[in-house]
Amino acid sequence: MAWIQLKIDTQAEKAEHIGDLLSANGAQAVTFIDAKDTPMYEPKPGEVMLWPDTQVVGLYDAEHDMQQVIQQLQKAKVLGKGFAYRLDGLEDKDWEREWMDNFHPIQCGQRLWICPSWRDVPDPNAVNVLLDPGLAFGTGTHPTTHLCLQWLDGLDLHDTTVIDFGCGSGILGIAALKLGAKRMIGIDIDPQALLASRDNAQRNGVEDKLAVFLPADQPDLQGDVVLANILAGPLRELRTVITNYCRPGGRLVLSGILATQADEIATLYSEDFDLEPVAIEGDWARVSGTRHIV
């Protein structure tokens, strides 16, 4: 397969944000490179160290519409219209795993840590989710996932059934199980996501509490907590489906939403839910609430 690299030079304080934007716009992998050959020392546990002048590199399938990617990036405040970039062709290689060196443990809320399965756990006494996402979305580094994990960390999940609609790597549902949920149902259109969710559940010792399904195979059920970290378009189109997964009095969290889309999504779901204040992280938003009891 042929690949294209999108390269953007920036400062350290903007690099992770730009990397998140590349991932959200179809990058198969994102890496950070020293733009000026600056020395770097060993980071502290959980700390991501970036050079003062950093080059952010996104890897795309050569068939990807890069003009559309550039147009989307121009709308982000951190870049803006007319930002400087370079597109380079690249030989075939297993670049999808290059990001592994830059994936560090991440704290989400007070109790919860997301830890790459190949790194040491920073706090053995914390609630640690050991993760290898494979080819599925969900590492905890993207603001949409991080917002959902923080929300989960603040809940009492004891004895609950959690439904993760668009489960990806399984990160949200597995975090819920490690935080006390009794059962997790994962649903995704991508068979690779179901495989990654099963593998990560086994890695965390919760495989007996997890079941995953393609949409066509999913059972008729309701959960106490429903998670949907997908995109604004599907959240609009599947509002009735997602709502019906949540029992009356149950809790719902939605993400994959740009901050500019949050009011529209909140208005749609307010017909069936008492909503909490919208949470914003960078360009992304989280909508959450409790389903009305009829």
Protein backbone atom coordinates (compact mmCIF):
# COMPACT_ATOMS: atom_id res chain seq x y z
CA MET A 1 0.00 0.00 0.00
CA ALA A 2 1.24 3.51 -0.83
CA TRP A 3 1.24 6.22 1.86
CA ILE A 4 1.36 10.00 2.14
CA GLN A 5 2.88 11.95 5.05
CA LEU A 6 1.40 15.29 6.07
CA LYS A 7 4.08 17.29 7.94
CA ILE A 8 3.37 20.40 10.03
CA ASP A 9 6.04 22.35 11.95
CA THR A 10 4.81 23.85 15.22
CA GLN A 11 5.64 24.56 18.87
CA ALA A 12 5.51 21.99 21.68
CA GLU A 13 2.42 23.48 23.31
CA LYS A 14 0.41 23.01 20.09
CA ALA A 15 1.84 19.68 18.91
CA GLU A 16 -0.47 17.25 20.73
CA HIS A 17 -3.54 19.27 19.78
CA ILE A 18 -2.51 19.20 16.11
CA GLY A 19 -1.78 15.48 16.38
CA ASP A 20 -5.32 14.93 17.70
CA LEU A 21 -6.72 16.87 14.75
CA LEU A 22 -4.78 14.73 12.26
CA SER A 23 -6.10 11.56 13.93
CA ALA A 24 -9.65 12.91 13.84
CA ASN A 25 -9.24 13.62 10.13
CA GLY A 26 -8.22 10.14 9.09
CA ALA A 27 -4.50 9.77 9.93
CA GLN A 28 -3.56 6.10 10.38
CA ALA A 29 -0.71 7.12 12.71
CA VAL A 30 0.71 10.35 14.18
CA THR A 31 4.32 10.86 15.24
CA PHE A 32 6.26 13.80 16.73
CA ILE A 33 9.76 14.64 15.47
CA ASP A 34 12.37 17.09 16.72
CA ALA A 35 12.43 19.90 14.15
CA LYS A 36 15.79 21.33 15.30
CA ASP A 37 17.86 18.48 16.78
CA THR A 38 17.26 19.51 20.41
CA PRO A 39 18.38 17.25 23.32
CA MET A 40 15.58 15.50 25.22
CA TYR A 41 15.79 13.91 28.67
CA GLU A 42 13.87 11.00 30.20
CA PRO A 43 10.26 12.06 30.96
CA LYS A 44 8.59 11.56 34.33
CA PRO A 45 5.90 8.81 34.56
CA GLY A 46 2.80 9.85 32.66
CA GLU A 47 4.54 12.89 31.14
CA VAL A 48 4.73 13.45 27.38
CA MET A 49 7.88 15.39 26.52
CA LEU A 50 7.99 17.33 23.25
CA TRP A 51 10.70 19.46 21.72
CA PRO A 52 10.27 23.29 21.66
CA ASP A 53 10.19 23.06 17.85
CA THR A 54 8.23 19.95 16.93
CA GLN A 55 7.21 18.50 13.60
CA VAL A 56 3.87 16.67 13.68
CA VAL A 57 3.62 13.94 11.03
CA GLY A 58 0.35 12.28 10.03
CA LEU A 59 0.33 9.11 7.93
CA TYR A 60 -2.46 8.70 5.35
CA ASP A 61 -3.42 6.14 2.74
CA ALA A 62 -2.33 7.57 -0.63
CA GLU A 63 -5.96 7.29 -1.82
CA HIS A 64 -7.15 9.58 0.99
CA ASP A 65 -8.59 12.97 -0.07
CA MET A 66 -5.85 15.19 1.34
CA GLN A 67 -7.43 18.38 0.01
CA GLN A 68 -10.45 17.71 2.20
CA VAL A 69 -8.14 17.06 5.18
CA ILE A 70 -6.39 20.40 4.65
CA GLN A 71 -9.72 22.20 4.36
CA GLN A 72 -10.89 20.69 7.67
CA LEU A 73 -7.62 21.58 9.42
CA GLN A 74 -7.90 25.20 8.24
CA LYS A 75 -11.05 25.53 10.34
CA ALA A 76 -9.17 24.74 13.58
CA LYS A 77 -8.05 27.74 15.64
CA VAL A 78 -4.67 26.18 16.39
CA LEU A 79 -3.80 26.16 12.65
CA GLY A 80 -6.07 28.52 10.74
CA LYS A 81 -6.37 29.22 7.02
CA GLY A 82 -3.08 29.35 5.15
CA PHE A 83 -1.05 27.27 7.65
CA ALA A 84 2.24 25.84 6.32
CA TYR A 85 2.44 22.12 5.60
CA ARG A 86 4.19 19.59 3.36
CA LEU A 87 2.92 16.41 1.71
CA ASP A 88 5.43 13.63 0.93
CA GLY A 89 5.01 10.21 -0.64
CA LEU A 90 6.28 7.27 1.39
CA GLU A 91 7.25 3.67 0.71
CA ASP A 92 5.20 0.82 2.17
CA LYS A 93 6.04 -0.05 5.78
CA ASP A 94 4.35 -1.03 9.03
CA TRP A 95 3.89 2.63 10.00
CA GLU A 96 0.65 1.94 11.87
CA ARG A 97 2.70 0.83 14.88
CA GLU A 98 5.20 3.75 14.82
CA TRP A 99 3.09 5.70 17.33
CA MET A 100 3.81 3.11 20.04
CA ASP A 101 6.95 4.92 21.21
CA ASN A 102 4.89 8.06 21.85
CA PHE A 103 2.00 6.44 23.75
CA HIS A 104 2.56 7.01 27.49
CA PRO A 105 0.34 6.29 30.54
CA ILE A 106 -2.45 8.85 30.91
CA GLN A 107 -4.36 9.81 34.06
CA CYS A 108 -8.09 10.39 33.53
CA GLY A 109 -9.81 11.88 36.58
CA GLN A 110 -8.91 10.90 40.15
CA ARG A 111 -8.76 7.09 40.06
CA LEU A 112 -8.25 6.00 36.47
CA TRP A 113 -5.08 5.50 34.41
CA ILE A 114 -4.86 4.28 30.81
CA CYS A 115 -1.56 2.42 30.41
CA PRO A 116 0.00 1.04 27.21
CA SER A 117 0.36 -2.70 27.73
CA TRP A 118 4.07 -2.54 26.84
CA ARG A 119 4.96 0.13 29.48
CA ASP A 120 5.26 0.07 33.28
CA VAL A 121 2.22 1.11 35.34
CA PRO A 122 2.95 4.46 37.12
CA ASP A 123 0.64 3.84 40.11
CA PRO A 124 -0.07 0.19 41.00
CA ASN A 125 -2.77 1.30 43.47
CA ALA A 126 -4.79 3.17 40.85
CA VAL A 127 -7.50 1.74 38.59
CA ASN A 128 -5.27 0.79 35.65
CA VAL A 129 -6.57 -0.14 32.20
CA LEU A 130 -3.87 -1.93 30.19
CA LEU A 131 -4.42 -1.14 26.54
CA ASP A 132 -3.21 -2.17 23.11
CA PRO A 133 -5.70 -0.66 20.65
CA GLY A 134 -4.44 -2.60 17.62
CA LEU A 135 -6.08 -1.03 14.56
CA ALA A 136 -9.13 0.23 16.48
CA PHE A 137 -9.75 3.81 17.64
CA GLY A 138 -9.31 4.62 21.31
CA THR A 139 -6.10 5.17 23.28
CA GLY A 140 -7.22 7.87 25.72
CA THR A 141 -4.97 10.48 24.11
CA HIS A 142 -7.70 12.02 21.96
CA PRO A 143 -9.84 14.65 23.76
CA THR A 144 -13.08 12.85 22.88
CA THR A 145 -11.94 9.65 24.63
CA HIS A 146 -10.32 11.56 27.49
CA LEU A 147 -13.53 13.51 28.16
CA CYS A 148 -15.53 10.28 28.37
CA LEU A 149 -12.99 8.61 30.66
CA GLN A 150 -13.03 11.59 33.04
CA TRP A 151 -16.84 11.38 33.14
CA LEU A 152 -16.73 7.65 33.90
CA ASP A 153 -14.17 8.21 36.66
CA GLY A 154 -16.69 10.43 38.45
CA LEU A 155 -19.52 7.85 38.46
CA ASP A 156 -20.49 5.13 40.90
CA LEU A 157 -20.64 2.20 38.47
CA HIS A 158 -21.13 -0.59 41.01
CA ASP A 159 -23.55 -3.27 39.76
CA THR A 160 -24.30 -1.46 36.47
CA THR A 161 -24.63 -2.71 32.89
CA VAL A 162 -22.75 -0.50 30.42
CA ILE A 163 -23.36 -0.34 26.66
CA ASP A 164 -20.52 1.05 24.55
CA PHE A 165 -21.95 1.99 21.14
CA GLY A 166 -18.99 2.22 18.75
CA CYS A 167 -16.65 0.49 21.18
CA GLY A 168 -13.43 0.72 19.12
CA SER A 169 -10.55 -0.61 21.23
CA GLY A 170 -12.98 -1.22 24.12
CA ILE A 171 -11.25 1.44 26.20
CA LEU A 172 -14.42 3.06 27.61
CA GLY A 173 -16.32 -0.11 28.43
CA ILE A 174 -13.27 -1.82 29.92
CA ALA A 175 -12.57 1.28 32.03
CA ALA A 176 -16.18 1.07 33.27
CA LEU A 177 -15.67 -2.58 34.23
CA LYS A 178 -12.45 -1.77 36.08
CA LEU A 179 -14.34 1.03 37.88
CA GLY A 180 -16.98 -1.42 39.15
CA ALA A 181 -19.53 -2.15 36.41
CA LYS A 182 -20.79 -5.75 36.38
CA ARG A 183 -21.31 -6.12 32.62
CA MET A 184 -20.26 -4.38 29.39
CA ILE A 185 -21.85 -4.75 25.94
CA GLY A 186 -19.70 -3.45 23.07
CA ILE A 187 -21.18 -2.71 19.64
CA ASP A 188 -19.16 -1.72 16.56
CA ILE A 189 -19.43 -1.96 12.77
CA ASP A 190 -15.72 -2.88 12.49
CA PRO A 191 -14.76 -6.52 13.21
CA GLN A 192 -11.23 -5.31 14.08
CA ALA A 193 -12.77 -3.26 16.90
CA LEU A 194 -14.52 -6.32 18.32
CA LEU A 195 -11.24 -8.24 18.20
CA ALA A 196 -9.36 -5.40 19.92
CA SER A 197 -12.07 -5.11 22.61
CA ARG A 198 -11.89 -8.84 23.37
CA ASP A 199 -8.08 -8.80 23.50
CA ASN A 200 -8.01 -5.78 25.81
CA ALA A 201 -10.70 -7.26 28.06
CA GLN A 202 -8.60 -10.41 28.43
CA ARG A 203 -5.51 -8.29 29.09
CA ASN A 204 -7.38 -6.62 31.96
CA GLY A 205 -8.93 -9.78 33.39
CA VAL A 206 -12.53 -8.75 32.64
CA GLU A 207 -13.26 -10.91 29.58
CA ASP A 208 -15.99 -12.80 31.46
CA LYS A 209 -17.93 -9.54 31.92
CA LEU A 210 -17.76 -8.40 28.27
CA ALA A 211 -19.76 -9.30 25.17
CA VAL A 212 -19.28 -7.64 21.75
CA PHE A 213 -21.54 -7.58 18.70
CA LEU A 214 -21.81 -6.25 15.18
CA PRO A 215 -24.93 -4.04 14.84
CA ALA A 216 -26.79 -6.75 12.92
CA ASP A 217 -26.19 -9.25 15.72
CA GLN A 218 -26.82 -7.08 18.76
CA PRO A 219 -29.41 -8.23 21.30
CA ASP A 220 -32.45 -6.22 22.36
CA LEU A 221 -31.38 -4.70 25.67
CA GLN A 222 -31.05 -1.57 27.79
CA GLY A 223 -28.17 -0.44 29.96
CA ASP A 224 -27.71 1.67 33.08
CA VAL A 225 -24.95 3.64 31.33
CA VAL A 226 -24.64 4.19 27.57
CA LEU A 227 -21.44 5.43 25.94
CA ALA A 228 -21.30 6.71 22.34
CA ASN A 229 -17.97 8.25 21.38
CA ILE A 230 -18.54 8.37 17.64
CA LEU A 231 -19.18 11.47 15.47
CA ALA A 232 -21.86 14.15 15.28
CA GLY A 233 -23.39 12.75 12.07
CA PRO A 234 -24.12 9.26 13.46
CA LEU A 235 -25.21 10.78 16.79
CA ARG A 236 -27.87 12.74 14.88
CA GLU A 237 -28.96 9.88 12.62
CA LEU A 238 -29.00 7.24 15.38
CA ARG A 239 -30.47 9.34 18.18
CA THR A 240 -33.49 7.06 18.62
CA VAL A 241 -31.34 3.90 18.58
CA ILE A 242 -28.86 5.28 21.11
CA THR A 243 -31.60 6.70 23.33
CA ASN A 244 -33.44 3.37 23.41
CA TYR A 245 -30.33 1.60 24.69
CA CYS A 246 -30.54 3.72 27.87
CA ARG A 247 -33.09 2.71 30.49
CA PRO A 248 -35.26 5.42 32.12
CA GLY A 249 -33.11 7.00 34.82
CA GLY A 250 -29.95 5.71 33.13
CA ARG A 251 -26.91 7.80 32.24
CA LEU A 252 -25.67 8.76 28.75
CA VAL A 253 -22.41 10.24 27.49
CA LEU A 254 -21.80 11.38 23.89
CA SER A 255 -18.57 12.55 22.31
CA GLY A 256 -16.75 12.69 18.99
CA ILE A 257 -18.44 16.10 18.78
CA LEU A 258 -16.73 19.33 17.78
CA ALA A 259 -17.33 22.18 20.21
CA THR A 260 -19.19 24.00 17.43
CA GLN A 261 -21.61 21.03 17.14
CA ALA A 262 -22.30 20.59 20.84
CA ASP A 263 -25.37 22.85 21.12
CA GLU A 264 -27.10 21.10 18.22
CA ILE A 265 -26.45 17.62 19.66
CA ALA A 266 -27.49 18.74 23.14
CA THR A 267 -30.75 20.17 21.78
CA LEU A 268 -31.57 16.90 20.00
CA TYR A 269 -30.94 14.71 23.05
CA SER A 270 -32.59 17.11 25.51
CA GLU A 271 -35.95 15.73 24.35
CA ASP A 272 -35.23 12.55 26.31
CA PHE A 273 -32.46 13.51 28.78
CA ASP A 274 -31.78 16.00 31.55
CA LEU A 275 -28.40 17.24 30.39
CA GLU A 276 -25.37 18.32 32.37
CA PRO A 277 -23.29 21.33 31.26
CA VAL A 278 -21.37 20.61 28.04
CA ALA A 279 -17.69 19.89 28.71
CA ILE A 280 -15.09 21.25 26.28
CA GLU A 281 -11.49 20.16 25.69
CA GLY A 282 -9.71 21.96 22.87
CA ASP A 283 -11.93 21.80 19.78
CA TRP A 284 -13.96 18.86 21.13
CA ALA A 285 -16.99 18.48 23.38
CA ARG A 286 -18.82 16.03 25.62
CA VAL A 287 -22.60 15.91 26.11
CA SER A 288 -23.97 13.88 29.02
CA GLY A 289 -27.12 13.47 31.05
CA THR A 290 -29.81 11.28 32.65
CA ARG A 291 -32.77 9.82 30.76
CA HIS A 292 -36.20 11.07 31.77
CA ILE A 293 -38.32 8.74 33.88
CA VAL A 294 -41.74 8.65 32.24
